[in-house]
Amino acid sequence: MIRLKRLNQSEIVINAELIQAIEETPDTVITLTNGQKIVVADSIDEILEKVIQYKRNIHI
């Protein structure tokens, strides 16, 4: 699970395993494997770093 911020700065926790795609349009939109779309304030680079850190933590 990774913590992200919505546009209104409230926090949301997303299962990183369910992320199918991330795009900036200019807001960052995350598409999950179930088709749900979530708009967040975090950049693609920030999200990728959080996903990489998550994957490292679960494989230790």
PDB file of N, CA and C in Angstrom:
ATOM      1  N   MET A   1       0.847  -1.170   0.000  1.00  0.00           N
ATOM      2  CA  MET A   1       0.000   0.000   0.000  1.00  0.00           C
ATOM      3  C   MET A   1       0.901   1.244   0.000  1.00  0.00           C
ATOM      4  N   ILE A   2       0.473   2.248  -0.764  1.00  0.00           N
ATOM      5  CA  ILE A   2       1.225   3.504  -0.814  1.00  0.00           C
ATOM      6  C   ILE A   2       0.291   4.657  -0.457  1.00  0.00           C
ATOM      7  N   ARG A   3       0.843   5.672   0.205  1.00  0.00           N
ATOM      8  CA  ARG A   3       0.076   6.871   0.578  1.00  0.00           C
ATOM      9  C   ARG A   3       0.245   7.936  -0.490  1.00  0.00           C
ATOM     10  N   LEU A   4      -0.882   8.496  -0.917  1.00  0.00           N
ATOM     11  CA  LEU A   4      -0.865   9.580  -1.890  1.00  0.00           C
ATOM     12  C   LEU A   4      -1.788  10.687  -1.399  1.00  0.00           C
ATOM     13  N   LYS A   5      -1.709  11.847  -2.047  1.00  0.00           N
ATOM     14  CA  LYS A   5      -2.577  12.973  -1.688  1.00  0.00           C
ATOM     15  C   LYS A   5      -3.523  13.277  -2.835  1.00  0.00           C
ATOM     16  N   ARG A   6      -4.787  13.434  -2.499  1.00  0.00           N
ATOM     17  CA  ARG A   6      -5.770  13.884  -3.484  1.00  0.00           C
ATOM     18  C   ARG A   6      -5.540  15.368  -3.754  1.00  0.00           C
ATOM     19  N   LEU A   7      -6.232  15.918  -4.729  1.00  0.00           N
ATOM     20  CA  LEU A   7      -6.059  17.332  -5.070  1.00  0.00           C
ATOM     21  C   LEU A   7      -6.438  18.254  -3.913  1.00  0.00           C
ATOM     22  N   ASN A   8      -7.366  17.810  -3.049  1.00  0.00           N
ATOM     23  CA  ASN A   8      -7.762  18.632  -1.899  1.00  0.00           C
ATOM     24  C   ASN A   8      -6.852  18.407  -0.692  1.00  0.00           C
ATOM     25  N   GLN A   9      -5.720  17.701  -0.913  1.00  0.00           N
ATOM     26  CA  GLN A   9      -4.682  17.406   0.082  1.00  0.00           C
ATOM     27  C   GLN A   9      -5.088  16.356   1.115  1.00  0.00           C
ATOM     28  N   SER A  10      -6.250  15.721   0.979  1.00  0.00           N
ATOM     29  CA  SER A  10      -6.572  14.606   1.864  1.00  0.00           C
ATOM     30  C   SER A  10      -5.768  13.389   1.420  1.00  0.00           C
ATOM     31  N   GLU A  11      -5.453  12.513   2.358  1.00  0.00           N
ATOM     32  CA  GLU A  11      -4.646  11.340   2.040  1.00  0.00           C
ATOM     33  C   GLU A  11      -5.513  10.184   1.570  1.00  0.00           C
ATOM     34  N   ILE A  12      -4.929   9.392   0.686  1.00  0.00           N
ATOM     35  CA  ILE A  12      -5.564   8.166   0.226  1.00  0.00           C
ATOM     36  C   ILE A  12      -4.480   7.102   0.188  1.00  0.00           C
ATOM     37  N   VAL A  13      -4.850   5.878   0.514  1.00  0.00           N
ATOM     38  CA  VAL A  13      -3.910   4.764   0.481  1.00  0.00           C
ATOM     39  C   VAL A  13      -4.371   3.812  -0.616  1.00  0.00           C
ATOM     40  N   ILE A  14      -3.456   3.491  -1.523  1.00  0.00           N
ATOM     41  CA  ILE A  14      -3.781   2.665  -2.689  1.00  0.00           C
ATOM     42  C   ILE A  14      -2.923   1.404  -2.664  1.00  0.00           C
ATOM     43  N   ASN A  15      -3.518   0.298  -3.040  1.00  0.00           N
ATOM     44  CA  ASN A  15      -2.775  -0.943  -3.197  1.00  0.00           C
ATOM     45  C   ASN A  15      -1.936  -0.818  -4.470  1.00  0.00           C
ATOM     46  N   ALA A  16      -0.633  -0.751  -4.310  1.00  0.00           N
ATOM     47  CA  ALA A  16       0.268  -0.543  -5.447  1.00  0.00           C
ATOM     48  C   ALA A  16       0.180  -1.669  -6.474  1.00  0.00           C
ATOM     49  N   GLU A  17      -0.245  -2.851  -6.039  1.00  0.00           N
ATOM     50  CA  GLU A  17      -0.357  -3.988  -6.953  1.00  0.00           C
ATOM     51  C   GLU A  17      -1.504  -3.815  -7.948  1.00  0.00           C
ATOM     52  N   LEU A  18      -2.436  -2.910  -7.666  1.00  0.00           N
ATOM     53  CA  LEU A  18      -3.601  -2.716  -8.526  1.00  0.00           C
ATOM     54  C   LEU A  18      -3.427  -1.599  -9.555  1.00  0.00           C
ATOM     55  N   ILE A  19      -2.275  -0.924  -9.549  1.00  0.00           N
ATOM     56  CA  ILE A  19      -2.055   0.166 -10.498  1.00  0.00           C
ATOM     57  C   ILE A  19      -1.794  -0.419 -11.882  1.00  0.00           C
ATOM     58  N   GLN A  20      -2.610   0.016 -12.827  1.00  0.00           N
ATOM     59  CA  GLN A  20      -2.436  -0.433 -14.214  1.00  0.00           C
ATOM     60  C   GLN A  20      -1.707   0.622 -15.035  1.00  0.00           C
ATOM     61  N   ALA A  21      -2.055   1.907 -14.827  1.00  0.00           N
ATOM     62  CA  ALA A  21      -1.443   2.986 -15.606  1.00  0.00           C
ATOM     63  C   ALA A  21      -1.465   4.273 -14.788  1.00  0.00           C
ATOM     64  N   ILE A  22      -0.498   5.143 -15.089  1.00  0.00           N
ATOM     65  CA  ILE A  22      -0.435   6.477 -14.482  1.00  0.00           C
ATOM     66  C   ILE A  22      -0.195   7.463 -15.608  1.00  0.00           C
ATOM     67  N   GLU A  23      -0.980   8.546 -15.627  1.00  0.00           N
ATOM     68  CA  GLU A  23      -0.774   9.569 -16.660  1.00  0.00           C
ATOM     69  C   GLU A  23      -0.948  10.954 -16.059  1.00  0.00           C
ATOM     70  N   GLU A  24      -0.249  11.931 -16.651  1.00  0.00           N
ATOM     71  CA  GLU A  24      -0.395  13.329 -16.246  1.00  0.00           C
ATOM     72  C   GLU A  24      -1.136  14.060 -17.347  1.00  0.00           C
ATOM     73  N   THR A  25      -2.253  14.710 -16.961  1.00  0.00           N
ATOM     74  CA  THR A  25      -3.125  15.296 -17.989  1.00  0.00           C
ATOM     75  C   THR A  25      -3.620  16.721 -17.713  1.00  0.00           C
ATOM     76  N   PRO A  26      -3.105  17.682 -17.071  1.00  0.00           N
ATOM     77  CA  PRO A  26      -1.880  17.786 -16.287  1.00  0.00           C
ATOM     78  C   PRO A  26      -1.982  17.187 -14.892  1.00  0.00           C
ATOM     79  N   ASP A  27      -3.205  16.971 -14.366  1.00  0.00           N
ATOM     80  CA  ASP A  27      -3.301  16.283 -13.072  1.00  0.00           C
ATOM     81  C   ASP A  27      -2.873  14.832 -13.256  1.00  0.00           C
ATOM     82  N   THR A  28      -2.408  14.229 -12.188  1.00  0.00           N
ATOM     83  CA  THR A  28      -1.973  12.836 -12.261  1.00  0.00           C
ATOM     84  C   THR A  28      -3.183  11.933 -12.064  1.00  0.00           C
ATOM     85  N   VAL A  29      -3.429  11.069 -13.033  1.00  0.00           N
ATOM     86  CA  VAL A  29      -4.561  10.149 -12.993  1.00  0.00           C
ATOM     87  C   VAL A  29      -4.023   8.723 -12.929  1.00  0.00           C
ATOM     88  N   ILE A  30      -4.447   7.997 -11.897  1.00  0.00           N
ATOM     89  CA  ILE A  30      -4.055   6.603 -11.739  1.00  0.00           C
ATOM     90  C   ILE A  30      -5.238   5.741 -12.155  1.00  0.00           C
ATOM     91  N   THR A  31      -4.992   4.793 -13.054  1.00  0.00           N
ATOM     92  CA  THR A  31      -6.016   3.839 -13.446  1.00  0.00           C
ATOM     93  C   THR A  31      -5.689   2.510 -12.787  1.00  0.00           C
ATOM     94  N   LEU A  32      -6.668   1.964 -12.069  1.00  0.00           N
ATOM     95  CA  LEU A  32      -6.487   0.685 -11.400  1.00  0.00           C
ATOM     96  C   LEU A  32      -6.941  -0.450 -12.308  1.00  0.00           C
ATOM     97  N   THR A  33      -6.565  -1.657 -11.967  1.00  0.00           N
ATOM     98  CA  THR A  33      -6.890  -2.812 -12.798  1.00  0.00           C
ATOM     99  C   THR A  33      -8.392  -3.047 -12.920  1.00  0.00           C
ATOM    100  N   ASN A  34      -9.187  -2.504 -11.989  1.00  0.00           N
ATOM    101  CA  ASN A  34     -10.639  -2.660 -12.071  1.00  0.00           C
ATOM    102  C   ASN A  34     -11.295  -1.536 -12.888  1.00  0.00           C
ATOM    103  N   GLY A  35     -10.474  -0.650 -13.467  1.00  0.00           N
ATOM    104  CA  GLY A  35     -10.976   0.443 -14.288  1.00  0.00           C
ATOM    105  C   GLY A  35     -11.215   1.739 -13.541  1.00  0.00           C
ATOM    106  N   GLN A  36     -11.171   1.702 -12.216  1.00  0.00           N
ATOM    107  CA  GLN A  36     -11.372   2.906 -11.416  1.00  0.00           C
ATOM    108  C   GLN A  36     -10.234   3.881 -11.663  1.00  0.00           C
ATOM    109  N   LYS A  37     -10.568   5.172 -11.754  1.00  0.00           N
ATOM    110  CA  LYS A  37      -9.561   6.217 -11.944  1.00  0.00           C
ATOM    111  C   LYS A  37      -9.525   7.089 -10.697  1.00  0.00           C
ATOM    112  N   ILE A  38      -8.306   7.430 -10.271  1.00  0.00           N
ATOM    113  CA  ILE A  38      -8.109   8.256  -9.091  1.00  0.00           C
ATOM    114  C   ILE A  38      -7.196   9.409  -9.477  1.00  0.00           C
ATOM    115  N   VAL A  39      -7.618  10.632  -9.177  1.00  0.00           N
ATOM    116  CA  VAL A  39      -6.821  11.828  -9.467  1.00  0.00           C
ATOM    117  C   VAL A  39      -6.083  12.214  -8.189  1.00  0.00           C
ATOM    118  N   VAL A  40      -4.766  12.386  -8.302  1.00  0.00           N
ATOM    119  CA  VAL A  40      -3.951  12.713  -7.137  1.00  0.00           C
ATOM    120  C   VAL A  40      -3.045  13.899  -7.431  1.00  0.00           C
ATOM    121  N   ALA A  41      -2.518  14.498  -6.356  1.00  0.00           N
ATOM    122  CA  ALA A  41      -1.624  15.645  -6.487  1.00  0.00           C
ATOM    123  C   ALA A  41      -0.175  15.215  -6.723  1.00  0.00           C
ATOM    124  N   ASP A  42       0.163  13.989  -6.345  1.00  0.00           N
ATOM    125  CA  ASP A  42       1.535  13.489  -6.501  1.00  0.00           C
ATOM    126  C   ASP A  42       1.902  13.391  -7.986  1.00  0.00           C
ATOM    127  N   SER A  43       3.172  13.593  -8.290  1.00  0.00           N
ATOM    128  CA  SER A  43       3.641  13.465  -9.672  1.00  0.00           C
ATOM    129  C   SER A  43       3.884  11.992 -10.002  1.00  0.00           C
ATOM    130  N   ILE A  44       4.024  11.703 -11.280  1.00  0.00           N
ATOM    131  CA  ILE A  44       4.338  10.335 -11.699  1.00  0.00           C
ATOM    132  C   ILE A  44       5.633   9.864 -11.046  1.00  0.00           C
ATOM    133  N   ASP A  45       6.651  10.703 -11.037  1.00  0.00           N
ATOM    134  CA  ASP A  45       7.934  10.322 -10.446  1.00  0.00           C
ATOM    135  C   ASP A  45       7.800   9.995  -8.957  1.00  0.00           C
ATOM    136  N   GLU A  46       7.013  10.778  -8.232  1.00  0.00           N
ATOM    137  CA  GLU A  46       6.806  10.520  -6.808  1.00  0.00           C
ATOM    138  C   GLU A  46       6.089   9.187  -6.600  1.00  0.00           C
ATOM    139  N   ILE A  47       5.094   8.924  -7.430  1.00  0.00           N
ATOM    140  CA  ILE A  47       4.346   7.668  -7.314  1.00  0.00           C
ATOM    141  C   ILE A  47       5.250   6.484  -7.640  1.00  0.00           C
ATOM    142  N   LEU A  48       6.028   6.601  -8.698  1.00  0.00           N
ATOM    143  CA  LEU A  48       6.946   5.514  -9.058  1.00  0.00           C
ATOM    144  C   LEU A  48       7.925   5.225  -7.933  1.00  0.00           C
ATOM    145  N   GLU A  49       8.454   6.260  -7.309  1.00  0.00           N
ATOM    146  CA  GLU A  49       9.383   6.071  -6.199  1.00  0.00           C
ATOM    147  C   GLU A  49       8.693   5.344  -5.042  1.00  0.00           C
ATOM    148  N   LYS A  50       7.455   5.703  -4.747  1.00  0.00           N
ATOM    149  CA  LYS A  50       6.717   5.045  -3.668  1.00  0.00           C
ATOM    150  C   LYS A  50       6.430   3.585  -4.006  1.00  0.00           C
ATOM    151  N   VAL A  51       6.113   3.301  -5.255  1.00  0.00           N
ATOM    152  CA  VAL A  51       5.861   1.915  -5.670  1.00  0.00           C
ATOM    153  C   VAL A  51       7.141   1.098  -5.582  1.00  0.00           C
ATOM    154  N   ILE A  52       8.250   1.670  -6.036  1.00  0.00           N
ATOM    155  CA  ILE A  52       9.538   0.968  -5.956  1.00  0.00           C
ATOM    156  C   ILE A  52       9.892   0.676  -4.501  1.00  0.00           C
ATOM    157  N   GLN A  53       9.709   1.650  -3.624  1.00  0.00           N
ATOM    158  CA  GLN A  53      10.012   1.454  -2.204  1.00  0.00           C
ATOM    159  C   GLN A  53       9.095   0.390  -1.608  1.00  0.00           C
ATOM    160  N   TYR A  54       7.825   0.400  -1.987  1.00  0.00           N
ATOM    161  CA  TYR A  54       6.870  -0.608  -1.532  1.00  0.00           C
ATOM    162  C   TYR A  54       7.329  -2.000  -1.956  1.00  0.00           C
ATOM    163  N   LYS A  55       7.707  -2.143  -3.218  1.00  0.00           N
ATOM    164  CA  LYS A  55       8.146  -3.449  -3.728  1.00  0.00           C
ATOM    165  C   LYS A  55       9.410  -3.919  -3.015  1.00  0.00           C
ATOM    166  N   ARG A  56      10.316  -2.995  -2.741  1.00  0.00           N
ATOM    167  CA  ARG A  56      11.532  -3.363  -2.000  1.00  0.00           C
ATOM    168  C   ARG A  56      11.183  -3.868  -0.607  1.00  0.00           C
ATOM    169  N   ASN A  57      10.260  -3.181   0.047  1.00  0.00           N
ATOM    170  CA  ASN A  57       9.890  -3.546   1.420  1.00  0.00           C
ATOM    171  C   ASN A  57       9.231  -4.921   1.483  1.00  0.00           C
ATOM    172  N   ILE A  58       8.430  -5.278   0.506  1.00  0.00           N
ATOM    173  CA  ILE A  58       7.746  -6.570   0.592  1.00  0.00           C
ATOM    174  C   ILE A  58       8.643  -7.728   0.177  1.00  0.00           C
ATOM    175  N   HIS A  59       9.752  -7.437  -0.478  1.00  0.00           N
ATOM    176  CA  HIS A  59      10.653  -8.499  -0.921  1.00  0.00           C
ATOM    177  C   HIS A  59      11.870  -8.673  -0.016  1.00  0.00           C
ATOM    178  N   ILE A  60      11.866  -7.973   1.102  1.00  0.00           N
ATOM    179  CA  ILE A  60      12.996  -8.097   2.051  1.00  0.00           C
ATOM    180  C   ILE A  60      12.792  -9.336   2.908  1.00  0.00           C
TER     181      ILE A  60
END
